[in-house]
Full PDB file with SEQRES, HELIX, SHEET, SSBOND, CRYST1, ORIGX, SCALE, CONECT and MASTER records, all heavy atoms in Angstrom:
SEQRES   1 A   39  GLY ALA LEU GLN LEU SER ALA ASN TYR PHE SER SER ALA          
SEQRES   2 A   39  PHE ILE LYS ASN ASN GLY ASN GLY LYS PHE SER ILE ALA          
SEQRES   3 A   39  PRO LEU PRO VAL LEU ALA GLN VAL SER ILE LEU ASN GLY          
HELIX    1 AA1 VAL A   30  ALA A   32  5                                   3    
SHEET    1 AA1 2 ALA A  13  GLY A  19  0                                        
SHEET    2 AA1 2 LYS A  22  PRO A  27 -1                                        
CRYST1    1.000    1.000    1.000  90.00  90.00  90.00 P 1           1          
ORIGX1      1.000000  0.000000  0.000000        0.00000                         
ORIGX2      0.000000  1.000000  0.000000        0.00000                         
ORIGX3      0.000000  0.000000  1.000000        0.00000                         
SCALE1      1.000000  0.000000  0.000000        0.00000                         
SCALE2      0.000000  1.000000  0.000000        0.00000                         
SCALE3      0.000000  0.000000  1.000000        0.00000                         
ATOM      1  N   GLY A   1       1.584  -2.093 -27.697  1.00  0.00           N  
ATOM      2  CA  GLY A   1       0.922  -3.358 -27.488  1.00  0.00           C  
ATOM      3  C   GLY A   1       1.564  -4.273 -26.487  1.00  0.00           C  
ATOM      4  O   GLY A   1       1.169  -5.408 -26.299  1.00  0.00           O  
ATOM      5  N   ALA A   2       2.671  -3.819 -25.838  1.00  0.00           N  
ATOM      6  CA  ALA A   2       3.338  -4.655 -24.857  1.00  0.00           C  
ATOM      7  C   ALA A   2       2.528  -4.789 -23.599  1.00  0.00           C  
ATOM      8  O   ALA A   2       1.760  -3.927 -23.185  1.00  0.00           O  
ATOM      9  CB  ALA A   2       4.693  -4.039 -24.498  1.00  0.00           C  
ATOM     10  N   LEU A   3       2.580  -5.991 -23.018  1.00  0.00           N  
ATOM     11  CA  LEU A   3       1.901  -6.240 -21.742  1.00  0.00           C  
ATOM     12  C   LEU A   3       2.712  -5.608 -20.611  1.00  0.00           C  
ATOM     13  O   LEU A   3       3.882  -5.899 -20.438  1.00  0.00           O  
ATOM     14  CB  LEU A   3       1.781  -7.718 -21.554  1.00  0.00           C  
ATOM     15  CG  LEU A   3       1.137  -8.216 -20.197  1.00  0.00           C  
ATOM     16  CD1 LEU A   3      -0.267  -7.708 -20.139  1.00  0.00           C  
ATOM     17  CD2 LEU A   3       1.254  -9.710 -20.007  1.00  0.00           C  
ATOM     18  N   GLN A   4       2.083  -4.756 -19.881  1.00  0.00           N  
ATOM     19  CA  GLN A   4       2.763  -4.072 -18.727  1.00  0.00           C  
ATOM     20  C   GLN A   4       2.202  -4.610 -17.469  1.00  0.00           C  
ATOM     21  O   GLN A   4       1.010  -4.590 -17.225  1.00  0.00           O  
ATOM     22  CB  GLN A   4       2.508  -2.537 -18.827  1.00  0.00           C  
ATOM     23  CG  GLN A   4       3.182  -1.888 -20.076  1.00  0.00           C  
ATOM     24  CD  GLN A   4       3.062  -0.423 -20.033  1.00  0.00           C  
ATOM     25  OE1 GLN A   4       3.113   0.225 -18.981  1.00  0.00           O  
ATOM     26  NE2 GLN A   4       2.913   0.172 -21.234  1.00  0.00           N  
ATOM     27  N   LEU A   5       3.072  -5.079 -16.625  1.00  0.00           N  
ATOM     28  CA  LEU A   5       2.744  -5.657 -15.297  1.00  0.00           C  
ATOM     29  C   LEU A   5       3.342  -4.815 -14.178  1.00  0.00           C  
ATOM     30  O   LEU A   5       4.377  -4.195 -14.323  1.00  0.00           O  
ATOM     31  CB  LEU A   5       3.231  -7.073 -15.177  1.00  0.00           C  
ATOM     32  CG  LEU A   5       2.779  -8.080 -16.266  1.00  0.00           C  
ATOM     33  CD1 LEU A   5       3.404  -9.447 -16.055  1.00  0.00           C  
ATOM     34  CD2 LEU A   5       1.261  -8.242 -16.202  1.00  0.00           C  
ATOM     35  N   SER A   6       2.626  -4.803 -13.051  1.00  0.00           N  
ATOM     36  CA  SER A   6       3.166  -4.046 -11.856  1.00  0.00           C  
ATOM     37  C   SER A   6       2.976  -4.919 -10.634  1.00  0.00           C  
ATOM     38  O   SER A   6       1.979  -5.676 -10.586  1.00  0.00           O  
ATOM     39  CB  SER A   6       2.513  -2.689 -11.722  1.00  0.00           C  
ATOM     40  OG  SER A   6       1.082  -2.870 -11.583  1.00  0.00           O  
ATOM     41  N   ALA A   7       3.832  -4.766  -9.698  1.00  0.00           N  
ATOM     42  CA  ALA A   7       3.687  -5.498  -8.393  1.00  0.00           C  
ATOM     43  C   ALA A   7       3.066  -4.539  -7.370  1.00  0.00           C  
ATOM     44  O   ALA A   7       3.413  -3.364  -7.316  1.00  0.00           O  
ATOM     45  CB  ALA A   7       5.067  -5.968  -7.923  1.00  0.00           C  
ATOM     46  N   ASN A   8       2.171  -5.071  -6.542  1.00  0.00           N  
ATOM     47  CA  ASN A   8       1.545  -4.194  -5.573  1.00  0.00           C  
ATOM     48  C   ASN A   8       1.467  -4.836  -4.203  1.00  0.00           C  
ATOM     49  O   ASN A   8       0.799  -4.356  -3.304  1.00  0.00           O  
ATOM     50  CB  ASN A   8       0.110  -3.829  -6.009  1.00  0.00           C  
ATOM     51  CG  ASN A   8      -0.760  -5.055  -6.307  1.00  0.00           C  
ATOM     52  OD1 ASN A   8      -0.495  -6.146  -5.883  1.00  0.00           O  
ATOM     53  ND2 ASN A   8      -1.811  -4.790  -7.044  1.00  0.00           N  
ATOM     54  N   TYR A   9       2.159  -6.040  -4.037  1.00  0.00           N  
ATOM     55  CA  TYR A   9       2.143  -6.678  -2.731  1.00  0.00           C  
ATOM     56  C   TYR A   9       3.535  -7.219  -2.479  1.00  0.00           C  
ATOM     57  O   TYR A   9       4.032  -8.106  -3.233  1.00  0.00           O  
ATOM     58  CB  TYR A   9       1.115  -7.827  -2.719  1.00  0.00           C  
ATOM     59  CG  TYR A   9       0.738  -8.245  -1.340  1.00  0.00           C  
ATOM     60  CD1 TYR A   9      -0.381  -7.747  -0.680  1.00  0.00           C  
ATOM     61  CD2 TYR A   9       1.498  -9.159  -0.631  1.00  0.00           C  
ATOM     62  CE1 TYR A   9      -0.744  -8.149   0.587  1.00  0.00           C  
ATOM     63  CE2 TYR A   9       1.156  -9.616   0.662  1.00  0.00           C  
ATOM     64  CZ  TYR A   9       0.040  -9.089   1.230  1.00  0.00           C  
ATOM     65  OH  TYR A   9      -0.323  -9.505   2.508  1.00  0.00           O  
ATOM     66  N   PHE A  10       4.183  -6.775  -1.428  1.00  0.00           N  
ATOM     67  CA  PHE A  10       5.592  -7.142  -1.250  1.00  0.00           C  
ATOM     68  C   PHE A  10       5.863  -7.896   0.093  1.00  0.00           C  
ATOM     69  O   PHE A  10       6.993  -8.158   0.439  1.00  0.00           O  
ATOM     70  CB  PHE A  10       6.460  -5.884  -1.289  1.00  0.00           C  
ATOM     71  CG  PHE A  10       6.460  -5.250  -2.627  1.00  0.00           C  
ATOM     72  CD1 PHE A  10       5.593  -4.209  -2.922  1.00  0.00           C  
ATOM     73  CD2 PHE A  10       7.315  -5.664  -3.617  1.00  0.00           C  
ATOM     74  CE1 PHE A  10       5.601  -3.609  -4.180  1.00  0.00           C  
ATOM     75  CE2 PHE A  10       7.339  -5.108  -4.876  1.00  0.00           C  
ATOM     76  CZ  PHE A  10       6.469  -4.044  -5.173  1.00  0.00           C  
ATOM     77  N   SER A  11       4.800  -8.196   0.799  1.00  0.00           N  
ATOM     78  CA  SER A  11       4.980  -8.872   2.075  1.00  0.00           C  
ATOM     79  C   SER A  11       5.014 -10.402   1.868  1.00  0.00           C  
ATOM     80  O   SER A  11       4.306 -10.975   1.005  1.00  0.00           O  
ATOM     81  CB  SER A  11       3.762  -8.572   3.050  1.00  0.00           C  
ATOM     82  OG  SER A  11       3.752  -7.167   3.326  1.00  0.00           O  
ATOM     83  N   SER A  12       5.772 -11.079   2.727  1.00  0.00           N  
ATOM     84  CA  SER A  12       5.672 -12.516   2.770  1.00  0.00           C  
ATOM     85  C   SER A  12       4.351 -12.773   3.521  1.00  0.00           C  
ATOM     86  O   SER A  12       4.040 -12.205   4.533  1.00  0.00           O  
ATOM     87  CB  SER A  12       6.807 -13.114   3.604  1.00  0.00           C  
ATOM     88  OG  SER A  12       8.076 -12.994   2.918  1.00  0.00           O  
ATOM     89  N   ALA A  13       3.522 -13.638   2.938  1.00  0.00           N  
ATOM     90  CA  ALA A  13       2.127 -13.755   3.390  1.00  0.00           C  
ATOM     91  C   ALA A  13       1.631 -15.159   3.440  1.00  0.00           C  
ATOM     92  O   ALA A  13       2.202 -16.162   2.950  1.00  0.00           O  
ATOM     93  CB  ALA A  13       1.244 -12.961   2.395  1.00  0.00           C  
ATOM     94  N   PHE A  14       0.502 -15.296   4.209  1.00  0.00           N  
ATOM     95  CA  PHE A  14      -0.252 -16.532   4.304  1.00  0.00           C  
ATOM     96  C   PHE A  14      -1.460 -16.401   3.443  1.00  0.00           C  
ATOM     97  O   PHE A  14      -2.269 -15.432   3.617  1.00  0.00           O  
ATOM     98  CB  PHE A  14      -0.602 -16.746   5.784  1.00  0.00           C  
ATOM     99  CG  PHE A  14      -1.589 -17.886   6.006  1.00  0.00           C  
ATOM    100  CD1 PHE A  14      -1.209 -19.237   5.909  1.00  0.00           C  
ATOM    101  CD2 PHE A  14      -2.944 -17.633   6.222  1.00  0.00           C  
ATOM    102  CE1 PHE A  14      -2.124 -20.265   6.098  1.00  0.00           C  
ATOM    103  CE2 PHE A  14      -3.863 -18.706   6.407  1.00  0.00           C  
ATOM    104  CZ  PHE A  14      -3.434 -20.016   6.328  1.00  0.00           C  
ATOM    105  N   ILE A  15      -1.677 -17.392   2.566  1.00  0.00           N  
ATOM    106  CA  ILE A  15      -2.873 -17.347   1.672  1.00  0.00           C  
ATOM    107  C   ILE A  15      -3.791 -18.506   2.159  1.00  0.00           C  
ATOM    108  O   ILE A  15      -3.383 -19.688   2.168  1.00  0.00           O  
ATOM    109  CB  ILE A  15      -2.465 -17.550   0.183  1.00  0.00           C  
ATOM    110  CG1 ILE A  15      -1.545 -16.398  -0.232  1.00  0.00           C  
ATOM    111  CG2 ILE A  15      -3.719 -17.555  -0.664  1.00  0.00           C  
ATOM    112  CD1 ILE A  15      -1.055 -16.564  -1.670  1.00  0.00           C  
ATOM    113  N   LYS A  16      -4.995 -18.138   2.459  1.00  0.00           N  
ATOM    114  CA  LYS A  16      -5.966 -19.094   3.026  1.00  0.00           C  
ATOM    115  C   LYS A  16      -7.006 -19.491   2.010  1.00  0.00           C  
ATOM    116  O   LYS A  16      -7.546 -18.606   1.290  1.00  0.00           O  
ATOM    117  CB  LYS A  16      -6.712 -18.490   4.251  1.00  0.00           C  
ATOM    118  CG  LYS A  16      -7.723 -19.391   4.952  1.00  0.00           C  
ATOM    119  CD  LYS A  16      -8.363 -18.739   6.122  1.00  0.00           C  
ATOM    120  CE  LYS A  16      -9.355 -19.589   6.789  1.00  0.00           C  
ATOM    121  NZ  LYS A  16      -9.996 -18.900   7.956  1.00  0.00           N  
ATOM    122  N   ASN A  17      -7.250 -20.748   1.843  1.00  0.00           N  
ATOM    123  CA  ASN A  17      -8.256 -21.221   0.928  1.00  0.00           C  
ATOM    124  C   ASN A  17      -9.543 -21.256   1.683  1.00  0.00           C  
ATOM    125  O   ASN A  17      -9.814 -22.109   2.566  1.00  0.00           O  
ATOM    126  CB  ASN A  17      -7.862 -22.642   0.468  1.00  0.00           C  
ATOM    127  CG  ASN A  17      -8.843 -23.234  -0.579  1.00  0.00           C  
ATOM    128  OD1 ASN A  17      -9.916 -22.663  -0.804  1.00  0.00           O  
ATOM    129  ND2 ASN A  17      -8.488 -24.299  -1.219  1.00  0.00           N  
ATOM    130  N   ASN A  18     -10.498 -20.402   1.315  1.00  0.00           N  
ATOM    131  CA  ASN A  18     -11.783 -20.252   2.008  1.00  0.00           C  
ATOM    132  C   ASN A  18     -12.855 -21.200   1.396  1.00  0.00           C  
ATOM    133  O   ASN A  18     -13.967 -21.157   1.863  1.00  0.00           O  
ATOM    134  CB  ASN A  18     -12.228 -18.829   1.945  1.00  0.00           C  
ATOM    135  CG  ASN A  18     -11.316 -17.888   2.657  1.00  0.00           C  
ATOM    136  OD1 ASN A  18     -10.853 -18.179   3.791  1.00  0.00           O  
ATOM    137  ND2 ASN A  18     -11.011 -16.752   1.987  1.00  0.00           N  
ATOM    138  N   GLY A  19     -12.482 -21.939   0.383  1.00  0.00           N  
ATOM    139  CA  GLY A  19     -13.445 -22.807  -0.301  1.00  0.00           C  
ATOM    140  C   GLY A  19     -14.208 -22.092  -1.453  1.00  0.00           C  
ATOM    141  O   GLY A  19     -14.213 -20.861  -1.510  1.00  0.00           O  
ATOM    142  N   ASN A  20     -14.844 -22.854  -2.254  1.00  0.00           N  
ATOM    143  CA  ASN A  20     -15.619 -22.314  -3.419  1.00  0.00           C  
ATOM    144  C   ASN A  20     -14.815 -21.372  -4.307  1.00  0.00           C  
ATOM    145  O   ASN A  20     -15.321 -20.408  -4.808  1.00  0.00           O  
ATOM    146  CB  ASN A  20     -16.873 -21.614  -2.861  1.00  0.00           C  
ATOM    147  CG  ASN A  20     -17.806 -22.551  -2.115  1.00  0.00           C  
ATOM    148  OD1 ASN A  20     -18.036 -23.652  -2.521  1.00  0.00           O  
ATOM    149  ND2 ASN A  20     -18.307 -22.058  -0.994  1.00  0.00           N  
ATOM    150  N   GLY A  21     -13.514 -21.655  -4.461  1.00  0.00           N  
ATOM    151  CA  GLY A  21     -12.715 -20.844  -5.313  1.00  0.00           C  
ATOM    152  C   GLY A  21     -12.319 -19.529  -4.734  1.00  0.00           C  
ATOM    153  O   GLY A  21     -11.816 -18.666  -5.433  1.00  0.00           O  
ATOM    154  N   LYS A  22     -12.551 -19.283  -3.423  1.00  0.00           N  
ATOM    155  CA  LYS A  22     -12.264 -18.041  -2.803  1.00  0.00           C  
ATOM    156  C   LYS A  22     -11.003 -18.126  -1.893  1.00  0.00           C  
ATOM    157  O   LYS A  22     -10.865 -19.062  -1.205  1.00  0.00           O  
ATOM    158  CB  LYS A  22     -13.409 -17.521  -1.915  1.00  0.00           C  
ATOM    159  CG  LYS A  22     -14.768 -17.390  -2.696  1.00  0.00           C  
ATOM    160  CD  LYS A  22     -14.680 -16.264  -3.713  1.00  0.00           C  
ATOM    161  CE  LYS A  22     -16.020 -16.078  -4.432  1.00  0.00           C  
ATOM    162  NZ  LYS A  22     -16.007 -15.048  -5.426  1.00  0.00           N  
ATOM    163  N   PHE A  23     -10.157 -17.122  -2.022  1.00  0.00           N  
ATOM    164  CA  PHE A  23      -8.939 -17.086  -1.185  1.00  0.00           C  
ATOM    165  C   PHE A  23      -8.767 -15.740  -0.537  1.00  0.00           C  
ATOM    166  O   PHE A  23      -9.265 -14.725  -1.040  1.00  0.00           O  
ATOM    167  CB  PHE A  23      -7.730 -17.334  -2.104  1.00  0.00           C  
ATOM    168  CG  PHE A  23      -7.673 -18.737  -2.677  1.00  0.00           C  
ATOM    169  CD1 PHE A  23      -8.343 -18.975  -3.862  1.00  0.00           C  
ATOM    170  CD2 PHE A  23      -6.894 -19.726  -2.130  1.00  0.00           C  
ATOM    171  CE1 PHE A  23      -8.328 -20.264  -4.425  1.00  0.00           C  
ATOM    172  CE2 PHE A  23      -6.862 -21.007  -2.716  1.00  0.00           C  
ATOM    173  CZ  PHE A  23      -7.584 -21.279  -3.837  1.00  0.00           C  
ATOM    174  N   SER A  24      -8.128 -15.728   0.635  1.00  0.00           N  
ATOM    175  CA  SER A  24      -7.831 -14.476   1.315  1.00  0.00           C  
ATOM    176  C   SER A  24      -6.282 -14.481   1.609  1.00  0.00           C  
ATOM    177  O   SER A  24      -5.680 -15.525   1.873  1.00  0.00           O  
ATOM    178  CB  SER A  24      -8.596 -14.313   2.577  1.00  0.00           C  
ATOM    179  OG  SER A  24      -8.453 -15.409   3.484  1.00  0.00           O  
ATOM    180  N   ILE A  25      -5.714 -13.271   1.671  1.00  0.00           N  
ATOM    181  CA  ILE A  25      -4.292 -13.144   1.914  1.00  0.00           C  
ATOM    182  C   ILE A  25      -4.037 -12.265   3.117  1.00  0.00           C  
ATOM    183  O   ILE A  25      -4.752 -11.226   3.257  1.00  0.00           O  
ATOM    184  CB  ILE A  25      -3.533 -12.637   0.667  1.00  0.00           C  
ATOM    185  CG1 ILE A  25      -2.020 -12.631   0.865  1.00  0.00           C  
ATOM    186  CG2 ILE A  25      -4.054 -11.308   0.255  1.00  0.00           C  
ATOM    187  CD1 ILE A  25      -1.267 -12.379  -0.460  1.00  0.00           C  
ATOM    188  N   ALA A  26      -3.047 -12.618   3.929  1.00  0.00           N  
ATOM    189  CA  ALA A  26      -2.722 -11.812   5.089  1.00  0.00           C  
ATOM    190  C   ALA A  26      -1.159 -11.868   5.297  1.00  0.00           C  
ATOM    191  O   ALA A  26      -0.593 -12.942   5.182  1.00  0.00           O  
ATOM    192  CB  ALA A  26      -3.408 -12.295   6.353  1.00  0.00           C  
ATOM    193  N   PRO A  27      -0.566 -10.682   5.560  1.00  0.00           N  
ATOM    194  CA  PRO A  27       0.886 -10.748   5.769  1.00  0.00           C  
ATOM    195  C   PRO A  27       1.283 -11.486   7.021  1.00  0.00           C  
ATOM    196  O   PRO A  27       0.545 -11.529   7.986  1.00  0.00           O  
ATOM    197  CB  PRO A  27       1.225  -9.265   5.926  1.00  0.00           C  
ATOM    198  CG  PRO A  27       0.000  -8.602   6.389  1.00  0.00           C  
ATOM    199  CD  PRO A  27      -1.140  -9.366   5.715  1.00  0.00           C  
ATOM    200  N   LEU A  28       2.389 -12.165   6.983  1.00  0.00           N  
ATOM    201  CA  LEU A  28       2.942 -12.867   8.166  1.00  0.00           C  
ATOM    202  C   LEU A  28       3.448 -11.762   9.130  1.00  0.00           C  
ATOM    203  O   LEU A  28       3.661 -10.625   8.783  1.00  0.00           O  
ATOM    204  CB  LEU A  28       4.083 -13.801   7.751  1.00  0.00           C  
ATOM    205  CG  LEU A  28       3.618 -15.029   6.964  1.00  0.00           C  
ATOM    206  CD1 LEU A  28       4.861 -15.747   6.431  1.00  0.00           C  
ATOM    207  CD2 LEU A  28       2.765 -15.929   7.734  1.00  0.00           C  
ATOM    208  N   PRO A  29       3.704 -12.132  10.388  1.00  0.00           N  
ATOM    209  CA  PRO A  29       4.207 -11.148  11.340  1.00  0.00           C  
ATOM    210  C   PRO A  29       5.470 -10.469  10.892  1.00  0.00           C  
ATOM    211  O   PRO A  29       6.212 -10.949  10.055  1.00  0.00           O  
ATOM    212  CB  PRO A  29       4.465 -12.029  12.641  1.00  0.00           C  
ATOM    213  CG  PRO A  29       3.518 -13.198  12.475  1.00  0.00           C  
ATOM    214  CD  PRO A  29       3.454 -13.453  11.000  1.00  0.00           C  
ATOM    215  N   VAL A  30       5.764  -9.350  11.561  1.00  0.00           N  
ATOM    216  CA  VAL A  30       6.903  -8.504  11.151  1.00  0.00           C  
ATOM    217  C   VAL A  30       8.250  -9.325  11.155  1.00  0.00           C  
ATOM    218  O   VAL A  30       9.068  -9.109  10.307  1.00  0.00           O  
ATOM    219  CB  VAL A  30       7.043  -7.313  12.125  1.00  0.00           C  
ATOM    220  CG1 VAL A  30       8.306  -6.507  11.874  1.00  0.00           C  
ATOM    221  CG2 VAL A  30       5.812  -6.391  11.956  1.00  0.00           C  
ATOM    222  N   LEU A  31       8.395 -10.162  12.182  1.00  0.00           N  
ATOM    223  CA  LEU A  31       9.667 -10.922  12.251  1.00  0.00           C  
ATOM    224  C   LEU A  31       9.848 -11.883  11.084  1.00  0.00           C  
ATOM    225  O   LEU A  31      11.023 -12.309  10.869  1.00  0.00           O  
ATOM    226  CB  LEU A  31       9.713 -11.704  13.551  1.00  0.00           C  
ATOM    227  CG  LEU A  31       9.892 -10.909  14.851  1.00  0.00           C  
ATOM    228  CD1 LEU A  31       9.930 -11.809  16.068  1.00  0.00           C  
ATOM    229  CD2 LEU A  31      11.212 -10.066  14.714  1.00  0.00           C  
ATOM    230  N   ALA A  32       8.823 -12.112  10.330  1.00  0.00           N  
ATOM    231  CA  ALA A  32       8.968 -12.985   9.104  1.00  0.00           C  
ATOM    232  C   ALA A  32       9.222 -12.090   7.865  1.00  0.00           C  
ATOM    233  O   ALA A  32       9.334 -12.625   6.770  1.00  0.00           O  
ATOM    234  CB  ALA A  32       7.720 -13.847   8.907  1.00  0.00           C  
ATOM    235  N   GLN A  33       9.292 -10.785   8.041  1.00  0.00           N  
ATOM    236  CA  GLN A  33       9.480  -9.846   6.953  1.00  0.00           C  
ATOM    237  C   GLN A  33      10.933  -9.318   6.852  1.00  0.00           C  
ATOM    238  O   GLN A  33      11.226  -8.565   5.982  1.00  0.00           O  
ATOM    239  CB  GLN A  33       8.528  -8.685   7.042  1.00  0.00           C  
ATOM    240  CG  GLN A  33       7.074  -9.067   7.257  1.00  0.00           C  
ATOM    241  CD  GLN A  33       6.446  -9.764   6.039  1.00  0.00           C  
ATOM    242  OE1 GLN A  33       6.983  -9.750   4.894  1.00  0.00           O  
ATOM    243  NE2 GLN A  33       5.305 -10.439   6.258  1.00  0.00           N  
ATOM    244  N   VAL A  34      11.807  -9.681   7.822  1.00  0.00           N  
ATOM    245  CA  VAL A  34      13.099  -9.042   7.918  1.00  0.00           C  
ATOM    246  C   VAL A  34      14.129  -9.606   6.891  1.00  0.00           C  
ATOM    247  O   VAL A  34      15.193  -9.017   6.729  1.00  0.00           O  
ATOM    248  CB  VAL A  34      13.639  -9.197   9.353  1.00  0.00           C  
ATOM    249  CG1 VAL A  34      12.736  -8.481  10.329  1.00  0.00           C  
ATOM    250  CG2 VAL A  34      13.893 -10.657   9.759  1.00  0.00           C  
ATOM    251  N   SER A  35      13.838 -10.696   6.283  1.00  0.00           N  
ATOM    252  CA  SER A  35      14.786 -11.296   5.342  1.00  0.00           C  
ATOM    253  C   SER A  35      14.099 -12.188   4.349  1.00  0.00           C  
ATOM    254  O   SER A  35      12.852 -12.389   4.459  1.00  0.00           O  
ATOM    255  CB  SER A  35      15.890 -12.024   6.027  1.00  0.00           C  
ATOM    256  OG  SER A  35      16.949 -12.381   5.166  1.00  0.00           O  
ATOM    257  N   ILE A  36      14.819 -12.787   3.471  1.00  0.00           N  
ATOM    258  CA  ILE A  36      14.267 -13.755   2.474  1.00  0.00           C  
ATOM    259  C   ILE A  36      13.903 -15.057   3.269  1.00  0.00           C  
ATOM    260  O   ILE A  36      14.675 -15.504   4.098  1.00  0.00           O  
ATOM    261  CB  ILE A  36      15.261 -14.054   1.409  1.00  0.00           C  
ATOM    262  CG1 ILE A  36      15.363 -12.839   0.505  1.00  0.00           C  
ATOM    263  CG2 ILE A  36      14.897 -15.239   0.592  1.00  0.00           C  
ATOM    264  CD1 ILE A  36      16.418 -12.942  -0.640  1.00  0.00           C  
ATOM    265  N   LEU A  37      12.716 -15.610   2.915  1.00  0.00           N  
ATOM    266  CA  LEU A  37      12.293 -16.906   3.473  1.00  0.00           C  
ATOM    267  C   LEU A  37      12.576 -18.025   2.501  1.00  0.00           C  
ATOM    268  O   LEU A  37      12.139 -17.903   1.297  1.00  0.00           O  
ATOM    269  CB  LEU A  37      10.816 -16.829   3.854  1.00  0.00           C  
ATOM    270  CG  LEU A  37      10.329 -15.692   4.639  1.00  0.00           C  
ATOM    271  CD1 LEU A  37       8.878 -15.826   4.991  1.00  0.00           C  
ATOM    272  CD2 LEU A  37      11.195 -15.523   5.901  1.00  0.00           C  
ATOM    273  N   ASN A  38      13.265 -19.014   2.921  1.00  0.00           N  
ATOM    274  CA  ASN A  38      13.587 -20.165   2.001  1.00  0.00           C  
ATOM    275  C   ASN A  38      12.851 -21.386   2.427  1.00  0.00           C  
ATOM    276  O   ASN A  38      11.724 -21.634   2.091  1.00  0.00           O  
ATOM    277  CB  ASN A  38      15.085 -20.327   1.882  1.00  0.00           C  
ATOM    278  CG  ASN A  38      15.808 -19.201   1.185  1.00  0.00           C  
ATOM    279  OD1 ASN A  38      15.348 -18.720   0.149  1.00  0.00           O  
ATOM    280  ND2 ASN A  38      16.928 -18.775   1.681  1.00  0.00           N  
ATOM    281  N   GLY A  39      13.538 -22.261   3.202  1.00  0.00           N  
ATOM    282  CA  GLY A  39      12.924 -23.488   3.652  1.00  0.00           C  
ATOM    283  C   GLY A  39      11.846 -23.249   4.666  1.00  0.00           C  
ATOM    284  O   GLY A  39      11.930 -22.402   5.540  1.00  0.00           O  
TER     285      GLY A  39                                                      
MASTER        0    0    0    1    2    0    0    6  284    1    0    3          
END                                                                             
């Protein structure tokens, strides 16, 4: 009965609000994927 979760998206990404409760996601360029993003 345990809740099992899995991750399926590992890119740093831009999430766009398309309106009406709809969103789309797109990975940032490769140079933004080389390390952890903080500020």
